[in-house]
Amino acid sequence: MTAVRAHHYSVAESDLEEFYARRTSLIATVRETFPGFASARLIQLEDGTFSDTWSWESAGQMVAALAAIATVPEAPLTMALLKDATALNGEVVDER
């Protein structure tokens, strides 16, 4: 079953270009390093905050990647630009 990690956060307007570049680099490294990474979808919401959903082929693969994410140099660099960040894990139960 597909697993997801849904993030919600904001990024200062002055940091957006740098954030996009760092996030792109982070995704590339995660894709190369951790099996099962499927996709990442970034949505800027009408209030200016972001919804960022990362999908994995299985919950086990997601949990293993999250346990090792601190070893990925791009992770802390990217997360340093986030404000008021929250994250929740879940599994897809219906997708049409």
N, C-alpha and C. Protein backbone atom coordinates (compact mmCIF):
# COMPACT_ATOMS: atom_id res chain seq x y z
N MET A 1 0.84 -1.18 0.00
CA MET A 1 0.00 0.00 0.00
C MET A 1 0.89 1.24 0.00
N THR A 2 0.56 2.23 -0.81
CA THR A 2 1.32 3.47 -0.90
C THR A 2 1.27 4.22 0.43
N ALA A 3 2.43 4.69 0.87
CA ALA A 3 2.53 5.48 2.10
C ALA A 3 2.87 6.91 1.72
N VAL A 4 2.40 7.86 2.53
CA VAL A 4 2.69 9.27 2.27
C VAL A 4 3.13 9.96 3.55
N ARG A 5 3.91 11.00 3.36
CA ARG A 5 4.26 11.92 4.45
C ARG A 5 3.84 13.28 3.95
N ALA A 6 2.88 13.87 4.64
CA ALA A 6 2.32 15.17 4.25
C ALA A 6 2.89 16.24 5.17
N HIS A 7 3.51 17.24 4.56
CA HIS A 7 4.13 18.35 5.29
C HIS A 7 3.31 19.62 5.04
N HIS A 8 3.29 20.48 6.02
CA HIS A 8 2.69 21.80 5.86
C HIS A 8 3.66 22.79 6.48
N TYR A 9 3.97 23.87 5.73
CA TYR A 9 4.95 24.84 6.23
C TYR A 9 4.86 26.13 5.43
N SER A 10 5.62 27.11 5.88
CA SER A 10 5.75 28.35 5.12
C SER A 10 7.24 28.61 4.87
N VAL A 11 7.48 29.44 3.87
CA VAL A 11 8.84 29.83 3.49
C VAL A 11 8.81 31.33 3.23
N ALA A 12 9.78 32.05 3.76
CA ALA A 12 9.84 33.50 3.54
C ALA A 12 9.96 33.78 2.04
N GLU A 13 9.26 34.79 1.59
CA GLU A 13 9.28 35.17 0.17
C GLU A 13 10.70 35.34 -0.34
N SER A 14 11.55 35.92 0.47
CA SER A 14 12.94 36.16 0.06
C SER A 14 13.75 34.87 -0.08
N ASP A 15 13.26 33.76 0.47
CA ASP A 15 13.97 32.48 0.42
C ASP A 15 13.41 31.51 -0.61
N LEU A 16 12.37 31.90 -1.33
CA LEU A 16 11.69 30.95 -2.21
C LEU A 16 12.58 30.35 -3.29
N GLU A 17 13.33 31.15 -3.99
CA GLU A 17 14.19 30.60 -5.05
C GLU A 17 15.19 29.60 -4.49
N GLU A 18 15.81 29.96 -3.38
CA GLU A 18 16.77 29.05 -2.74
C GLU A 18 16.07 27.79 -2.25
N PHE A 19 14.88 27.94 -1.69
CA PHE A 19 14.12 26.79 -1.23
C PHE A 19 13.82 25.83 -2.39
N TYR A 20 13.33 26.35 -3.50
CA TYR A 20 13.02 25.50 -4.66
C TYR A 20 14.26 24.75 -5.12
N ALA A 21 15.39 25.41 -5.18
CA ALA A 21 16.64 24.77 -5.61
C ALA A 21 17.07 23.68 -4.62
N ARG A 22 17.00 23.98 -3.34
CA ARG A 22 17.40 23.00 -2.33
C ARG A 22 16.46 21.80 -2.32
N ARG A 23 15.16 22.05 -2.46
CA ARG A 23 14.17 20.97 -2.47
C ARG A 23 14.40 20.06 -3.67
N THR A 24 14.68 20.65 -4.83
CA THR A 24 14.95 19.86 -6.04
C THR A 24 16.16 18.96 -5.83
N SER A 25 17.21 19.49 -5.24
CA SER A 25 18.41 18.71 -4.95
C SER A 25 18.12 17.60 -3.95
N LEU A 26 17.35 17.92 -2.91
CA LEU A 26 16.98 16.94 -1.89
C LEU A 26 16.19 15.79 -2.52
N ILE A 27 15.23 16.10 -3.36
CA ILE A 27 14.43 15.05 -4.00
C ILE A 27 15.31 14.15 -4.86
N ALA A 28 16.22 14.73 -5.61
CA ALA A 28 17.11 13.93 -6.45
C ALA A 28 17.94 12.97 -5.61
N THR A 29 18.47 13.45 -4.48
CA THR A 29 19.28 12.60 -3.62
C THR A 29 18.43 11.51 -2.97
N VAL A 30 17.25 11.86 -2.49
CA VAL A 30 16.35 10.87 -1.89
C VAL A 30 16.00 9.79 -2.92
N ARG A 31 15.70 10.21 -4.14
CA ARG A 31 15.35 9.26 -5.20
C ARG A 31 16.51 8.29 -5.47
N GLU A 32 17.75 8.78 -5.45
CA GLU A 32 18.92 7.94 -5.71
C GLU A 32 19.30 7.06 -4.52
N THR A 33 18.99 7.53 -3.31
CA THR A 33 19.48 6.88 -2.10
C THR A 33 18.52 5.88 -1.49
N PHE A 34 17.23 6.16 -1.56
CA PHE A 34 16.25 5.34 -0.84
C PHE A 34 15.28 4.64 -1.79
N PRO A 35 15.28 3.31 -1.76
CA PRO A 35 14.36 2.56 -2.61
C PRO A 35 12.90 2.84 -2.21
N GLY A 36 12.05 2.86 -3.20
CA GLY A 36 10.63 3.00 -2.94
C GLY A 36 10.09 4.41 -2.99
N PHE A 37 10.96 5.40 -3.11
CA PHE A 37 10.46 6.77 -3.22
C PHE A 37 9.74 6.90 -4.55
N ALA A 38 8.49 7.37 -4.52
CA ALA A 38 7.67 7.42 -5.73
C ALA A 38 7.53 8.82 -6.30
N SER A 39 7.19 9.80 -5.44
CA SER A 39 6.95 11.15 -5.96
C SER A 39 6.88 12.16 -4.82
N ALA A 40 6.99 13.42 -5.21
CA ALA A 40 6.79 14.53 -4.28
C ALA A 40 5.93 15.57 -4.99
N ARG A 41 4.93 16.08 -4.29
CA ARG A 41 4.03 17.08 -4.88
C ARG A 41 3.98 18.29 -3.96
N LEU A 42 4.37 19.44 -4.50
CA LEU A 42 4.38 20.69 -3.75
C LEU A 42 3.25 21.58 -4.24
N ILE A 43 2.42 22.03 -3.32
CA ILE A 43 1.29 22.90 -3.64
C ILE A 43 1.39 24.16 -2.79
N GLN A 44 1.35 25.32 -3.44
CA GLN A 44 1.28 26.56 -2.68
C GLN A 44 -0.20 26.87 -2.49
N LEU A 45 -0.61 26.94 -1.25
CA LEU A 45 -2.01 27.17 -0.91
C LEU A 45 -2.34 28.65 -0.98
N GLU A 46 -3.62 28.96 -1.01
CA GLU A 46 -4.05 30.34 -1.18
C GLU A 46 -3.59 31.27 -0.07
N ASP A 47 -3.27 30.72 1.10
CA ASP A 47 -2.79 31.58 2.20
C ASP A 47 -1.27 31.78 2.14
N GLY A 48 -0.62 31.23 1.09
CA GLY A 48 0.82 31.39 0.92
C GLY A 48 1.65 30.28 1.52
N THR A 49 1.04 29.40 2.32
CA THR A 49 1.76 28.27 2.89
C THR A 49 1.85 27.16 1.84
N PHE A 50 2.61 26.12 2.18
CA PHE A 50 2.82 25.01 1.26
C PHE A 50 2.32 23.70 1.85
N SER A 51 1.77 22.88 0.97
CA SER A 51 1.46 21.48 1.27
C SER A 51 2.41 20.67 0.41
N ASP A 52 3.19 19.81 1.03
CA ASP A 52 4.24 19.06 0.34
C ASP A 52 4.06 17.59 0.69
N THR A 53 3.63 16.79 -0.27
CA THR A 53 3.33 15.38 -0.02
C THR A 53 4.31 14.49 -0.75
N TRP A 54 4.98 13.65 0.01
CA TRP A 54 5.96 12.71 -0.53
C TRP A 54 5.37 11.31 -0.45
N SER A 55 5.42 10.57 -1.55
CA SER A 55 4.83 9.24 -1.63
C SER A 55 5.91 8.17 -1.74
N TRP A 56 5.62 7.03 -1.11
CA TRP A 56 6.53 5.88 -1.09
C TRP A 56 5.74 4.64 -1.47
N GLU A 57 6.41 3.66 -2.04
CA GLU A 57 5.75 2.41 -2.42
C GLU A 57 5.20 1.66 -1.22
N SER A 58 5.85 1.79 -0.07
CA SER A 58 5.37 1.09 1.14
C SER A 58 5.73 1.90 2.38
N ALA A 59 5.01 1.61 3.46
CA ALA A 59 5.28 2.27 4.74
C ALA A 59 6.67 1.90 5.25
N GLY A 60 7.09 0.66 5.06
CA GLY A 60 8.41 0.23 5.51
C GLY A 60 9.53 1.01 4.84
N GLN A 61 9.39 1.25 3.54
CA GLN A 61 10.41 2.02 2.82
C GLN A 61 10.42 3.47 3.29
N MET A 62 9.26 4.03 3.55
CA MET A 62 9.18 5.41 4.04
C MET A 62 9.82 5.52 5.42
N VAL A 63 9.49 4.61 6.31
CA VAL A 63 10.04 4.64 7.66
C VAL A 63 11.56 4.51 7.64
N ALA A 64 12.07 3.63 6.79
CA ALA A 64 13.53 3.46 6.69
C ALA A 64 14.19 4.73 6.19
N ALA A 65 13.60 5.38 5.20
CA ALA A 65 14.16 6.63 4.68
C ALA A 65 14.11 7.74 5.73
N LEU A 66 13.00 7.85 6.43
CA LEU A 66 12.89 8.88 7.46
C LEU A 66 13.90 8.67 8.58
N ALA A 67 14.18 7.42 8.90
CA ALA A 67 15.15 7.13 9.96
C ALA A 67 16.56 7.56 9.56
N ALA A 68 16.83 7.59 8.24
CA ALA A 68 18.17 7.92 7.77
C ALA A 68 18.27 9.30 7.11
N ILE A 69 17.18 10.05 7.10
CA ILE A 69 17.17 11.32 6.36
C ILE A 69 18.23 12.30 6.88
N ALA A 70 18.58 12.23 8.14
CA ALA A 70 19.58 13.16 8.68
C ALA A 70 20.96 12.95 8.05
N THR A 71 21.17 11.81 7.40
CA THR A 71 22.46 11.55 6.74
C THR A 71 22.53 12.17 5.35
N VAL A 72 21.42 12.72 4.88
CA VAL A 72 21.37 13.36 3.57
C VAL A 72 21.69 14.84 3.75
N PRO A 73 22.81 15.32 3.24
CA PRO A 73 23.24 16.71 3.49
C PRO A 73 22.20 17.76 3.09
N GLU A 74 21.42 17.49 2.05
CA GLU A 74 20.45 18.48 1.59
C GLU A 74 19.27 18.64 2.55
N ALA A 75 19.00 17.64 3.37
CA ALA A 75 17.82 17.69 4.24
C ALA A 75 17.87 18.86 5.23
N PRO A 76 18.90 18.98 6.07
CA PRO A 76 18.90 20.10 7.01
C PRO A 76 19.01 21.46 6.32
N LEU A 77 19.70 21.50 5.17
CA LEU A 77 19.80 22.76 4.44
C LEU A 77 18.43 23.22 3.94
N THR A 78 17.65 22.28 3.45
CA THR A 78 16.31 22.61 2.96
C THR A 78 15.39 22.96 4.11
N MET A 79 15.40 22.14 5.16
CA MET A 79 14.50 22.35 6.29
C MET A 79 14.81 23.63 7.05
N ALA A 80 16.01 24.13 6.93
CA ALA A 80 16.38 25.37 7.61
C ALA A 80 15.58 26.57 7.09
N LEU A 81 15.04 26.46 5.89
CA LEU A 81 14.27 27.56 5.31
C LEU A 81 12.78 27.49 5.65
N LEU A 82 12.35 26.42 6.31
CA LEU A 82 10.93 26.24 6.63
C LEU A 82 10.57 26.91 7.95
N LYS A 83 9.33 27.40 8.00
CA LYS A 83 8.79 27.96 9.25
C LYS A 83 7.48 27.26 9.56
N ASP A 84 7.23 27.05 10.83
CA ASP A 84 5.97 26.45 11.30
C ASP A 84 5.68 25.12 10.61
N ALA A 85 6.69 24.28 10.50
CA ALA A 85 6.54 23.02 9.78
C ALA A 85 5.89 21.94 10.64
N THR A 86 4.97 21.22 10.02
CA THR A 86 4.35 20.04 10.63
C THR A 86 4.38 18.92 9.61
N ALA A 87 4.30 17.68 10.08
CA ALA A 87 4.27 16.53 9.18
C ALA A 87 3.42 15.43 9.78
N LEU A 88 2.71 14.71 8.91
CA LEU A 88 1.91 13.55 9.30
C LEU A 88 2.16 12.44 8.30
N ASN A 89 2.18 11.21 8.80
CA ASN A 89 2.32 10.04 7.94
C ASN A 89 0.96 9.38 7.74
N GLY A 90 0.79 8.73 6.59
CA GLY A 90 -0.45 8.03 6.33
C GLY A 90 -0.29 7.04 5.20
N GLU A 91 -1.36 6.29 4.92
CA GLU A 91 -1.38 5.34 3.82
C GLU A 91 -2.57 5.66 2.93
N VAL A 92 -2.36 5.52 1.64
CA VAL A 92 -3.44 5.76 0.68
C VAL A 92 -4.43 4.61 0.78
N VAL A 93 -5.68 4.92 1.04
CA VAL A 93 -6.72 3.89 1.13
C VAL A 93 -7.66 3.91 -0.08
N ASP A 94 -7.64 5.00 -0.83
CA ASP A 94 -8.45 5.08 -2.04
C ASP A 94 -7.87 6.14 -2.95
N GLU A 95 -7.67 5.79 -4.19
CA GLU A 95 -7.16 6.74 -5.17
C GLU A 95 -7.85 6.46 -6.48
N ARG A 96 -8.48 7.44 -7.03
CA ARG A 96 -9.26 7.23 -8.27
C ARG A 96 -8.74 8.07 -9.40
